[in-house]
N, C-alpha and C. Protein backbone atom coordinates (compact mmCIF):
# COMPACT_ATOMS: atom_id res chain seq x y z
N MET A 1 0.82 -1.18 0.00
CA MET A 1 0.00 0.00 0.00
C MET A 1 0.86 1.25 0.00
N ALA A 2 1.91 1.31 0.86
CA ALA A 2 2.73 2.51 0.96
C ALA A 2 4.12 2.14 1.42
N THR A 3 5.09 2.97 1.07
CA THR A 3 6.46 2.81 1.54
C THR A 3 6.95 4.15 2.07
N LEU A 4 7.93 4.08 2.98
CA LEU A 4 8.46 5.28 3.60
C LEU A 4 9.94 5.09 3.88
N CYS A 5 10.74 6.13 3.69
CA CYS A 5 12.18 6.05 3.90
C CYS A 5 12.67 7.36 4.49
N LEU A 6 13.56 7.27 5.47
CA LEU A 6 14.25 8.44 6.01
C LEU A 6 15.73 8.11 5.99
N THR A 7 16.54 8.96 5.36
CA THR A 7 17.96 8.65 5.22
C THR A 7 18.84 9.85 5.52
N LYS A 8 20.08 9.56 5.92
CA LYS A 8 21.10 10.59 6.07
C LYS A 8 22.26 10.31 5.12
N GLN A 9 22.12 9.35 4.20
CA GLN A 9 23.18 9.02 3.27
C GLN A 9 23.41 10.18 2.31
N SER A 10 24.67 10.56 2.14
CA SER A 10 24.97 11.78 1.40
C SER A 10 24.52 11.74 -0.06
N PHE A 11 24.72 10.63 -0.78
CA PHE A 11 24.31 10.58 -2.19
C PHE A 11 22.81 10.76 -2.32
N ILE A 12 22.06 10.02 -1.52
CA ILE A 12 20.60 10.11 -1.60
C ILE A 12 20.14 11.50 -1.17
N LEU A 13 20.72 12.02 -0.10
CA LEU A 13 20.34 13.35 0.38
C LEU A 13 20.59 14.40 -0.69
N ARG A 14 21.76 14.35 -1.31
CA ARG A 14 22.10 15.33 -2.34
C ARG A 14 21.14 15.30 -3.52
N ASN A 15 20.67 14.12 -3.86
CA ASN A 15 19.88 13.95 -5.07
C ASN A 15 18.38 13.86 -4.85
N TYR A 16 17.95 13.44 -3.67
CA TYR A 16 16.52 13.17 -3.48
C TYR A 16 15.95 13.73 -2.18
N GLY A 17 16.77 14.09 -1.21
CA GLY A 17 16.26 14.59 0.06
C GLY A 17 16.33 13.53 1.15
N HIS A 18 15.95 13.92 2.36
CA HIS A 18 15.98 13.03 3.51
C HIS A 18 14.92 11.94 3.45
N SER A 19 13.77 12.27 2.92
CA SER A 19 12.61 11.39 3.04
C SER A 19 12.04 11.04 1.68
N GLY A 20 11.53 9.84 1.59
CA GLY A 20 10.84 9.42 0.38
C GLY A 20 9.64 8.57 0.77
N TYR A 21 8.57 8.73 0.06
CA TYR A 21 7.40 7.91 0.33
C TYR A 21 6.61 7.73 -0.95
N GLY A 22 5.88 6.66 -0.99
CA GLY A 22 5.05 6.38 -2.15
C GLY A 22 3.77 5.70 -1.70
N VAL A 23 2.69 6.03 -2.35
CA VAL A 23 1.39 5.44 -2.02
C VAL A 23 0.83 4.85 -3.31
N HIS A 24 0.37 3.63 -3.21
CA HIS A 24 -0.22 2.96 -4.38
C HIS A 24 -1.36 3.81 -4.94
N PRO A 25 -1.46 3.89 -6.27
CA PRO A 25 -2.50 4.74 -6.87
C PRO A 25 -3.91 4.49 -6.33
N SER A 26 -4.24 3.26 -6.01
CA SER A 26 -5.60 2.98 -5.52
C SER A 26 -5.83 3.52 -4.11
N GLU A 27 -4.76 3.90 -3.41
CA GLU A 27 -4.88 4.38 -2.03
C GLU A 27 -4.61 5.87 -1.90
N ARG A 28 -4.44 6.56 -3.01
CA ARG A 28 -4.17 7.99 -2.97
C ARG A 28 -5.42 8.79 -2.60
N LYS A 29 -5.18 10.00 -2.15
CA LYS A 29 -6.24 10.94 -1.73
C LYS A 29 -7.00 10.43 -0.50
N LYS A 30 -6.30 9.65 0.32
CA LYS A 30 -6.89 9.16 1.57
C LYS A 30 -6.11 9.66 2.79
N GLY A 31 -5.12 10.53 2.57
CA GLY A 31 -4.36 11.09 3.69
C GLY A 31 -3.13 10.30 4.10
N TYR A 32 -2.84 9.20 3.43
CA TYR A 32 -1.69 8.37 3.83
C TYR A 32 -0.37 9.12 3.70
N ALA A 33 -0.14 9.80 2.59
CA ALA A 33 1.13 10.51 2.39
C ALA A 33 1.29 11.62 3.42
N THR A 34 0.22 12.32 3.73
CA THR A 34 0.27 13.37 4.75
C THR A 34 0.66 12.78 6.10
N GLN A 35 0.05 11.67 6.45
CA GLN A 35 0.36 11.02 7.73
C GLN A 35 1.79 10.48 7.74
N MET A 36 2.24 9.95 6.62
CA MET A 36 3.60 9.42 6.55
C MET A 36 4.63 10.54 6.72
N LEU A 37 4.40 11.68 6.09
CA LEU A 37 5.34 12.79 6.26
C LEU A 37 5.30 13.29 7.70
N LYS A 38 4.13 13.37 8.29
CA LYS A 38 4.02 13.78 9.70
C LYS A 38 4.85 12.86 10.59
N MET A 39 4.71 11.56 10.40
CA MET A 39 5.46 10.59 11.21
C MET A 39 6.96 10.69 10.95
N THR A 40 7.34 10.92 9.70
CA THR A 40 8.75 11.07 9.36
C THR A 40 9.34 12.28 10.06
N LEU A 41 8.63 13.39 10.05
CA LEU A 41 9.12 14.60 10.71
C LEU A 41 9.21 14.42 12.22
N GLU A 42 8.25 13.72 12.80
CA GLU A 42 8.31 13.42 14.24
C GLU A 42 9.55 12.59 14.56
N TYR A 43 9.83 11.59 13.73
CA TYR A 43 11.01 10.76 13.96
C TYR A 43 12.29 11.57 13.74
N ALA A 44 12.31 12.41 12.73
CA ALA A 44 13.48 13.24 12.47
C ALA A 44 13.78 14.13 13.68
N ARG A 45 12.75 14.66 14.31
CA ARG A 45 12.94 15.45 15.54
C ARG A 45 13.52 14.57 16.64
N LYS A 46 12.99 13.37 16.75
CA LYS A 46 13.44 12.45 17.80
C LYS A 46 14.92 12.12 17.67
N ILE A 47 15.41 12.00 16.44
CA ILE A 47 16.83 11.70 16.24
C ILE A 47 17.66 12.97 16.11
N ARG A 48 17.04 14.08 16.43
CA ARG A 48 17.69 15.39 16.56
C ARG A 48 18.21 15.98 15.25
N LEU A 49 17.48 15.75 14.18
CA LEU A 49 17.77 16.50 12.96
C LEU A 49 17.20 17.90 13.15
N SER A 50 17.89 18.89 12.68
CA SER A 50 17.38 20.26 12.82
C SER A 50 16.55 20.70 11.62
N LYS A 51 16.77 20.05 10.49
CA LYS A 51 15.97 20.33 9.30
C LYS A 51 16.07 19.14 8.36
N VAL A 52 15.11 19.03 7.48
CA VAL A 52 15.12 17.95 6.49
C VAL A 52 14.90 18.54 5.10
N MET A 53 15.51 17.89 4.13
CA MET A 53 15.33 18.29 2.74
C MET A 53 14.37 17.33 2.08
N LEU A 54 13.42 17.86 1.35
CA LEU A 54 12.45 17.06 0.62
C LEU A 54 12.45 17.53 -0.83
N ALA A 55 12.23 16.60 -1.73
CA ALA A 55 12.19 16.95 -3.14
C ALA A 55 11.05 16.20 -3.81
N CYS A 56 10.47 16.82 -4.80
CA CYS A 56 9.43 16.16 -5.58
C CYS A 56 9.47 16.70 -7.00
N TYR A 57 8.97 15.90 -7.91
CA TYR A 57 8.88 16.39 -9.29
C TYR A 57 7.95 17.58 -9.35
N LYS A 58 8.28 18.54 -10.19
CA LYS A 58 7.49 19.76 -10.30
C LYS A 58 6.04 19.47 -10.66
N ASP A 59 5.81 18.43 -11.45
CA ASP A 59 4.44 18.11 -11.85
C ASP A 59 3.67 17.29 -10.82
N ASN A 60 4.29 17.02 -9.67
CA ASN A 60 3.63 16.26 -8.60
C ASN A 60 3.02 17.25 -7.60
N GLU A 61 1.90 17.82 -7.99
CA GLU A 61 1.27 18.85 -7.16
C GLU A 61 0.84 18.33 -5.79
N ALA A 62 0.44 17.08 -5.71
CA ALA A 62 0.00 16.52 -4.43
C ALA A 62 1.16 16.51 -3.43
N SER A 63 2.33 16.05 -3.84
CA SER A 63 3.48 16.03 -2.93
C SER A 63 3.91 17.44 -2.55
N SER A 64 3.91 18.34 -3.51
CA SER A 64 4.28 19.72 -3.23
C SER A 64 3.34 20.33 -2.18
N LYS A 65 2.06 20.07 -2.29
CA LYS A 65 1.09 20.60 -1.32
C LYS A 65 1.32 20.02 0.07
N ILE A 66 1.64 18.73 0.14
CA ILE A 66 1.89 18.11 1.44
C ILE A 66 3.13 18.72 2.08
N ILE A 67 4.19 18.88 1.30
CA ILE A 67 5.43 19.48 1.82
C ILE A 67 5.14 20.89 2.33
N GLN A 68 4.41 21.67 1.57
CA GLN A 68 4.09 23.04 1.98
C GLN A 68 3.18 23.08 3.20
N LYS A 69 2.32 22.08 3.34
CA LYS A 69 1.45 21.99 4.51
C LYS A 69 2.27 21.91 5.80
N TYR A 70 3.44 21.27 5.70
CA TYR A 70 4.33 21.14 6.86
C TYR A 70 5.43 22.20 6.83
N ASN A 71 5.11 23.35 6.25
CA ASN A 71 5.99 24.52 6.24
C ASN A 71 7.27 24.32 5.44
N GLY A 72 7.20 23.52 4.40
CA GLY A 72 8.34 23.36 3.52
C GLY A 72 8.63 24.66 2.80
N ILE A 73 9.89 25.06 2.82
CA ILE A 73 10.33 26.29 2.17
C ILE A 73 11.03 25.91 0.86
N PHE A 74 10.50 26.41 -0.23
CA PHE A 74 11.08 26.13 -1.54
C PHE A 74 12.48 26.73 -1.62
N GLU A 75 13.43 25.91 -2.09
CA GLU A 75 14.81 26.39 -2.25
C GLU A 75 15.19 26.58 -3.71
N LYS A 76 14.94 25.55 -4.53
CA LYS A 76 15.40 25.63 -5.92
C LYS A 76 14.75 24.54 -6.75
N GLU A 77 14.93 24.66 -8.04
CA GLU A 77 14.55 23.62 -8.98
C GLU A 77 15.83 23.09 -9.62
N ILE A 78 15.88 21.77 -9.81
CA ILE A 78 17.02 21.16 -10.48
C ILE A 78 16.51 20.23 -11.57
N LEU A 79 17.35 19.98 -12.54
CA LEU A 79 17.01 19.07 -13.62
C LEU A 79 17.53 17.69 -13.26
N HIS A 80 16.64 16.75 -13.07
CA HIS A 80 17.00 15.37 -12.73
C HIS A 80 17.61 14.70 -13.95
N SER A 81 18.34 13.62 -13.74
CA SER A 81 18.96 12.90 -14.85
C SER A 81 17.93 12.33 -15.83
N ASN A 82 16.69 12.18 -15.38
CA ASN A 82 15.63 11.70 -16.27
C ASN A 82 14.97 12.84 -17.05
N ARG A 83 15.56 14.04 -16.94
CA ARG A 83 15.11 15.24 -17.67
C ARG A 83 13.85 15.87 -17.08
N LYS A 84 13.42 15.43 -15.90
CA LYS A 84 12.27 16.05 -15.24
C LYS A 84 12.77 17.08 -14.23
N ILE A 85 11.98 18.12 -14.03
CA ILE A 85 12.34 19.16 -13.07
C ILE A 85 11.92 18.72 -11.67
N VAL A 86 12.86 18.87 -10.73
CA VAL A 86 12.64 18.51 -9.33
C VAL A 86 12.66 19.79 -8.50
N GLN A 87 11.69 19.92 -7.62
CA GLN A 87 11.64 21.05 -6.69
C GLN A 87 12.20 20.59 -5.35
N VAL A 88 13.09 21.41 -4.78
CA VAL A 88 13.74 21.09 -3.51
C VAL A 88 13.19 22.02 -2.43
N TYR A 89 12.81 21.42 -1.31
CA TYR A 89 12.25 22.15 -0.17
C TYR A 89 13.03 21.78 1.10
N TRP A 90 13.02 22.68 2.07
CA TRP A 90 13.56 22.41 3.41
C TRP A 90 12.47 22.65 4.44
N ILE A 91 12.44 21.76 5.43
CA ILE A 91 11.54 21.94 6.58
C ILE A 91 12.42 22.03 7.82
N THR A 92 12.30 23.14 8.54
CA THR A 92 13.02 23.31 9.80
C THR A 92 12.21 22.65 10.90
N LEU A 93 12.89 21.87 11.73
CA LEU A 93 12.21 21.13 12.80
C LEU A 93 12.30 21.86 14.13
């Protein structure tokens, strides 16, 4: 149904951010991604991260809205190796 990842690995952080999550298409628009990001941020606070980087494809409006809901601050857009534009956000904890 859903997957969730929180990482501090430098390659992944540089290219994708601290957190990644995915929700099966049949389960979207049910609040799962919002809840997963909430839990990820709670855990990040617990392990004493001061901020987290999140990234999503520019055309992924749902993810962008969730990140902004948790006070994600837009930093920049980058061109991914797959030629899609990625938006990078930071959330201060």
